[in-house]
C-alpha atoms as a PDB file:
ATOM      1  CA  MET A   1     -39.753  24.138  20.301  1.00  0.00           C
ATOM      2  CA  THR A   2     -40.404  20.233  20.523  1.00  0.00           C
ATOM      3  CA  THR A   3     -42.895  18.909  22.362  1.00  0.00           C
ATOM      4  CA  CYS A   4     -41.947  16.199  24.952  1.00  0.00           C
ATOM      5  CA  ASN A   5     -45.480  15.305  26.293  1.00  0.00           C
ATOM      6  CA  ASP A   6     -44.553  15.490  29.603  1.00  0.00           C
ATOM      7  CA  GLY A   7     -46.678  18.650  31.050  1.00  0.00           C
ATOM      8  CA  TYR A   8     -43.896  20.478  30.449  1.00  0.00           C
ATOM      9  CA  ASP A   9     -44.935  22.514  27.167  1.00  0.00           C
ATOM     10  CA  GLY A  10     -46.500  25.964  28.629  1.00  0.00           C
ATOM     11  CA  LEU A  11     -43.499  26.296  30.577  1.00  0.00           C
ATOM     12  CA  ARG A  12     -40.868  26.178  28.011  1.00  0.00           C
ATOM     13  CA  ARG A  13     -43.154  28.244  25.838  1.00  0.00           C
ATOM     14  CA  VAL A  14     -42.807  31.411  28.628  1.00  0.00           C
ATOM     15  CA  LEU A  15     -39.395  30.206  29.226  1.00  0.00           C
ATOM     16  CA  ALA A  16     -38.868  30.492  25.126  1.00  0.00           C
ATOM     17  CA  ASN A  17     -40.288  33.634  25.598  1.00  0.00           C
ATOM     18  CA  ALA A  18     -38.464  35.158  27.663  1.00  0.00           C
ATOM     19  CA  VAL A  19     -35.365  34.023  26.225  1.00  0.00           C
ATOM     20  CA  GLN A  20     -36.298  35.723  23.099  1.00  0.00           C
ATOM     21  CA  GLN A  21     -37.216  38.647  24.672  1.00  0.00           C
ATOM     22  CA  ALA A  22     -33.666  38.621  26.275  1.00  0.00           C
ATOM     23  CA  SER A  23     -31.968  37.931  22.637  1.00  0.00           C
ATOM     24  CA  GLY A  24     -33.648  39.409  20.717  1.00  0.00           C
ATOM     25  CA  GLY A  25     -35.644  42.487  21.933  1.00  0.00           C
ATOM     26  CA  LYS A  26     -34.914  45.404  24.311  1.00  0.00           C
ATOM     27  CA  GLY A  27     -32.356  43.767  26.123  1.00  0.00           C
ATOM     28  CA  ARG A  28     -30.505  43.127  23.085  1.00  0.00           C
ATOM     29  CA  GLU A  29     -31.274  46.406  21.701  1.00  0.00           C
ATOM     30  CA  ARG A  30     -30.485  48.368  24.820  1.00  0.00           C
ATOM     31  CA  HIS A  31     -27.775  46.026  26.684  1.00  0.00           C
ATOM     32  CA  VAL A  32     -25.810  44.172  24.279  1.00  0.00           C
ATOM     33  CA  HIS A  33     -22.242  44.967  23.443  1.00  0.00           C
ATOM     34  CA  LYS A  34     -20.219  42.524  20.877  1.00  0.00           C
ATOM     35  CA  ASP A  35     -22.629  39.991  21.360  1.00  0.00           C
ATOM     36  CA  GLU A  36     -21.274  39.340  24.781  1.00  0.00           C
ATOM     37  CA  PRO A  37     -22.869  35.737  26.209  1.00  0.00           C
ATOM     38  CA  PHE A  38     -26.201  36.459  29.192  1.00  0.00           C
ATOM     39  CA  GLU A  39     -23.718  35.855  32.199  1.00  0.00           C
ATOM     40  CA  GLU A  40     -21.393  38.868  30.767  1.00  0.00           C
ATOM     41  CA  GLN A  41     -24.498  41.512  30.165  1.00  0.00           C
ATOM     42  CA  PRO A  42     -24.762  44.139  32.464  1.00  0.00           C
ATOM     43  CA  ILE A  43     -27.889  42.396  34.241  1.00  0.00           C
ATOM     44  CA  CYS A  44     -25.713  39.857  35.918  1.00  0.00           C
ATOM     45  CA  ARG A  45     -22.355  41.954  35.890  1.00  0.00           C
ATOM     46  CA  GLY A  46     -24.592  44.162  38.187  1.00  0.00           C
ATOM     47  CA  GLY A  47     -25.634  41.186  40.399  1.00  0.00           C
ATOM     48  CA  ARG A  48     -22.254  40.562  40.456  1.00  0.00           C
ATOM     49  CA  ARG A  49     -21.162  43.735  41.870  1.00  0.00           C
ATOM     50  CA  PHE A  50     -24.736  44.323  43.891  1.00  0.00           C
ATOM     51  CA  GLY A  51     -25.478  40.883  44.700  1.00  0.00           C
ATOM     52  CA  PRO A  52     -28.589  38.643  43.667  1.00  0.00           C
ATOM     53  CA  GLY A  53     -31.134  40.907  46.064  1.00  0.00           C
ATOM     54  CA  CYS A  54     -30.732  44.092  43.434  1.00  0.00           C
ATOM     55  CA  LEU A  55     -32.172  41.877  40.620  1.00  0.00           C
ATOM     56  CA  LEU A  56     -34.790  39.923  42.906  1.00  0.00           C
ATOM     57  CA  TYR A  57     -35.789  43.816  43.158  1.00  0.00           C
ATOM     58  CA  GLN A  58     -36.049  44.645  39.627  1.00  0.00           C
ATOM     59  CA  ALA A  59     -38.232  41.343  39.080  1.00  0.00           C
ATOM     60  CA  TRP A  60     -40.424  42.312  42.217  1.00  0.00           C
ATOM     61  CA  LYS A  61     -40.748  46.059  40.334  1.00  0.00           C
ATOM     62  CA  LYS A  62     -41.744  44.763  36.875  1.00  0.00           C
ATOM     63  CA  THR A  63     -44.272  41.794  38.255  1.00  0.00           C
ATOM     64  CA  ASP A  64     -45.632  44.985  40.380  1.00  0.00           C
ATOM     65  CA  GLU A  65     -46.254  46.963  37.252  1.00  0.00           C
ATOM     66  CA  VAL A  66     -48.485  44.001  35.346  1.00  0.00           C
ATOM     67  CA  PRO A  67     -52.086  44.851  36.794  1.00  0.00           C
ATOM     68  CA  LYS A  68     -51.811  48.328  35.680  1.00  0.00           C
ATOM     69  CA  LEU A  69     -50.332  47.127  32.564  1.00  0.00           C
ATOM     70  CA  MET A  70     -53.738  45.092  32.067  1.00  0.00           C
ATOM     71  CA  THR A  71     -55.599  48.198  32.202  1.00  0.00           C
ATOM     72  CA  MET A  72     -54.064  50.016  29.247  1.00  0.00           C
ATOM     73  CA  ASP A  73     -53.873  49.575  25.415  1.00  0.00           C
ATOM     74  CA  ASN A  74     -52.769  46.123  24.496  1.00  0.00           C
ATOM     75  CA  GLY A  75     -52.190  45.403  28.190  1.00  0.00           C
ATOM     76  CA  LYS A  76     -52.514  41.553  27.786  1.00  0.00           C
ATOM     77  CA  GLU A  77     -48.959  41.941  25.288  1.00  0.00           C
ATOM     78  CA  ARG A  78     -47.076  44.977  27.806  1.00  0.00           C
ATOM     79  CA  ALA A  79     -48.316  42.631  31.070  1.00  0.00           C
ATOM     80  CA  LEU A  80     -46.525  39.422  29.196  1.00  0.00           C
ATOM     81  CA  GLN A  81     -43.890  41.429  28.615  1.00  0.00           C
ATOM     82  CA  GLU A  82     -43.181  42.684  31.974  1.00  0.00           C
ATOM     83  CA  ILE A  83     -43.127  38.965  33.170  1.00  0.00           C
ATOM     84  CA  TYR A  84     -41.060  37.403  30.516  1.00  0.00           C
ATOM     85  CA  GLY A  85     -38.539  40.276  31.640  1.00  0.00           C
ATOM     86  CA  ALA A  86     -39.169  39.113  35.368  1.00  0.00           C
ATOM     87  CA  ILE A  87     -38.188  36.283  34.395  1.00  0.00           C
ATOM     88  CA  ASN A  88     -34.844  37.257  32.901  1.00  0.00           C
ATOM     89  CA  TYR A  89     -34.126  39.018  35.999  1.00  0.00           C
ATOM     90  CA  LEU A  90     -35.014  35.981  38.345  1.00  0.00           C
ATOM     91  CA  ALA A  91     -32.862  34.044  36.137  1.00  0.00           C
ATOM     92  CA  ALA A  92     -29.595  36.685  36.538  1.00  0.00           C
ATOM     93  CA  ALA A  93     -30.142  35.943  39.557  1.00  0.00           C
ATOM     94  CA  ALA A  94     -30.182  32.251  39.811  1.00  0.00           C
ATOM     95  CA  ILE A  95     -27.153  31.969  38.001  1.00  0.00           C
ATOM     96  CA  ILE A  96     -25.347  34.522  40.533  1.00  0.00           C
ATOM     97  CA  ILE A  97     -26.341  32.237  43.467  1.00  0.00           C
ATOM     98  CA  GLU A  98     -24.873  28.932  41.655  1.00  0.00           C
ATOM     99  CA  GLU A  99     -22.071  31.334  40.706  1.00  0.00           C
ATOM    100  CA  GLN A 100     -21.296  31.999  44.874  1.00  0.00           C
ATOM    101  CA  GLN A 101     -19.363  29.085  46.986  1.00  0.00           C
ATOM    102  CA  SER A 102     -21.115  27.464  49.591  1.00  0.00           C
END
C-alpha cells in the first residue's frame, strides 16, 4: 500500500483489509461464483432485490456483535473481521444507492 502522508493511511489500511476479506476471505469462499465482480455477487444482488436497508441491517448486526466478540479468545481478530464485514456491507449499500436514479 502506498503511503501518501496526507493523514489517511489508517483509513486506507482498514479499507484495504475490508477489500482483502471480501476478495480473498470468507466472502470469496462462500459467495463468489466464476470470479464475479463485487457488484454482481449476492451481497449486491440482494441489495438490488430488497433495497439498501437489508445491507444496512447486516452491517448493524455485525457491529452489534463486536463487544461480545472482544471478550472471546482471539477477540481482537474476531472483532476486526466483523468490522471489515460491516464495511463491505456498507460499501454494497453505497453501490446500490449510487445506482439508483435521482
